[in-house]
């Protein structure tokens, strides 16, 4: 069995196709003889940029509601030698991560 991880990204709906093409081109969403496999669902993103933020959408201090898409795709574990080379800080290593992650074996 091949171990796969879920990659989940929230993106403004205007950028969904660009994102899916980019992550598919990087190898995410490859399952057997298929590539660029992904699932998307639409929703409303809500946020308020705080002082010091440089928002792509909206303005500092103003609440925003934007149509967003949740895109998910499977990929092989990212803790490869290439990833380790790119990210040398201790917080990039799995043992130092403080956020919850879910891993599924498919």
Protein backbone atom coordinates (compact mmCIF):
# COMPACT_ATOMS: atom_id res chain seq x y z
CA UNK A 1 0.00 0.00 0.00
CA UNK A 2 1.17 3.50 -0.83
CA UNK A 3 0.90 6.10 1.90
CA UNK A 4 -0.84 9.29 0.73
CA UNK A 5 -1.47 12.56 2.54
CA UNK A 6 -4.32 14.97 1.92
CA UNK A 7 -3.37 18.44 0.73
CA UNK A 8 -6.15 20.93 1.54
CA UNK A 9 -6.06 24.54 0.36
CA UNK A 10 -8.57 27.41 0.59
CA UNK A 11 -8.40 29.77 -2.37
CA UNK A 12 -10.54 32.61 -3.82
CA UNK A 13 -12.80 31.09 -6.47
CA UNK A 14 -11.17 33.24 -9.17
CA UNK A 15 -7.86 31.40 -8.63
CA UNK A 16 -9.10 27.80 -8.33
CA UNK A 17 -8.09 26.55 -11.78
CA UNK A 18 -4.64 28.13 -11.54
CA UNK A 19 -4.09 26.50 -8.14
CA UNK A 20 -5.28 23.07 -9.29
CA UNK A 21 -3.04 23.19 -12.36
CA UNK A 22 -0.05 24.18 -10.21
CA UNK A 23 -0.47 21.50 -7.54
CA UNK A 24 -1.31 18.88 -10.18
CA UNK A 25 1.82 19.83 -12.10
CA UNK A 26 3.83 19.43 -8.89
CA UNK A 27 2.59 15.85 -8.50
CA UNK A 28 -0.41 16.21 -6.18
CA UNK A 29 -3.52 14.31 -7.23
CA UNK A 30 -1.71 11.37 -8.86
CA UNK A 31 -3.57 8.17 -8.13
CA UNK A 32 -2.63 5.12 -10.17
CA UNK A 33 -2.89 5.98 -13.87
CA UNK A 34 -4.67 9.29 -13.20
CA UNK A 35 -3.19 12.72 -12.56
CA UNK A 36 -4.60 16.05 -11.34
CA UNK A 37 -7.26 14.28 -9.21
CA UNK A 38 -8.88 16.76 -6.83
CA UNK A 39 -12.12 17.59 -5.06
CA UNK A 40 -13.48 21.10 -4.68
CA UNK A 41 -16.33 22.58 -2.69
CA UNK A 42 -17.54 26.18 -2.62
CA UNK A 43 -18.24 28.36 0.37
CA UNK A 44 -17.84 31.84 1.79
CA UNK A 45 -14.54 32.88 3.32
CA UNK A 46 -14.77 35.46 6.12
CA UNK A 47 -11.84 37.38 7.53
CA UNK A 48 -10.69 40.75 8.89
CA UNK A 49 -7.12 41.82 8.07
CA UNK A 50 -5.41 43.14 11.22
CA UNK A 51 -2.85 45.97 11.43
CA UNK A 52 0.40 44.85 9.82
CA UNK A 53 -1.38 42.63 7.28
CA UNK A 54 -1.00 43.14 3.56
CA UNK A 55 -4.30 41.73 2.31
CA UNK A 56 -4.63 40.42 -1.24
CA UNK A 57 -8.37 41.05 -0.93
CA UNK A 58 -9.98 43.70 1.29
CA UNK A 59 -8.54 46.36 3.56
CA UNK A 60 -7.00 46.38 7.03
CA UNK A 61 -9.68 46.57 9.72
CA UNK A 62 -12.58 45.86 7.36
CA UNK A 63 -14.42 42.54 7.51
CA UNK A 64 -14.64 40.69 4.20
CA UNK A 65 -16.86 37.97 2.79
CA UNK A 66 -15.48 36.35 -0.34
CA UNK A 67 -16.52 33.34 -2.44
CA UNK A 68 -13.83 30.74 -1.75
CA UNK A 69 -13.17 27.17 -2.77
CA UNK A 70 -11.81 24.36 -0.64
CA UNK A 71 -9.61 22.25 -2.90
CA UNK A 72 -8.17 18.93 -1.79
CA UNK A 73 -5.88 16.43 -3.46
CA UNK A 74 -3.80 13.45 -2.39
CA UNK A 75 -0.04 13.36 -2.59
CA UNK A 76 2.86 11.30 -1.36
CA UNK A 77 4.26 12.41 2.01
CA UNK A 78 5.97 15.80 1.70
CA UNK A 79 8.81 15.04 4.11
CA UNK A 80 11.09 14.05 1.25
CA UNK A 81 14.75 14.96 0.99
CA UNK A 82 13.85 17.87 -1.29
CA UNK A 83 11.40 19.32 1.25
CA UNK A 84 13.90 18.90 4.09
CA UNK A 85 16.51 20.71 2.01
CA UNK A 86 14.12 23.61 1.33
CA UNK A 87 12.96 23.97 4.92
CA UNK A 88 15.78 23.71 7.43
CA UNK A 89 14.09 25.30 10.46
CA UNK A 90 12.99 23.02 13.32
CA UNK A 91 9.34 24.04 12.90
CA UNK A 92 9.27 22.43 9.45
CA UNK A 93 10.02 18.98 10.82
CA UNK A 94 7.04 16.72 11.62
CA UNK A 95 8.10 16.17 15.26
CA UNK A 96 8.12 19.93 15.92
CA UNK A 97 4.77 20.77 14.34
CA UNK A 98 2.23 22.06 16.80
CA UNK A 99 -0.86 21.76 14.61
CA UNK A 100 -3.02 18.71 14.29
CA UNK A 101 -2.67 16.81 11.05
CA UNK A 102 -4.57 13.86 9.71
CA UNK A 103 -2.91 11.14 7.73
CA UNK A 104 -4.70 8.39 5.89
CA UNK A 105 -3.31 5.29 4.30
CA UNK A 106 -5.02 4.49 1.01
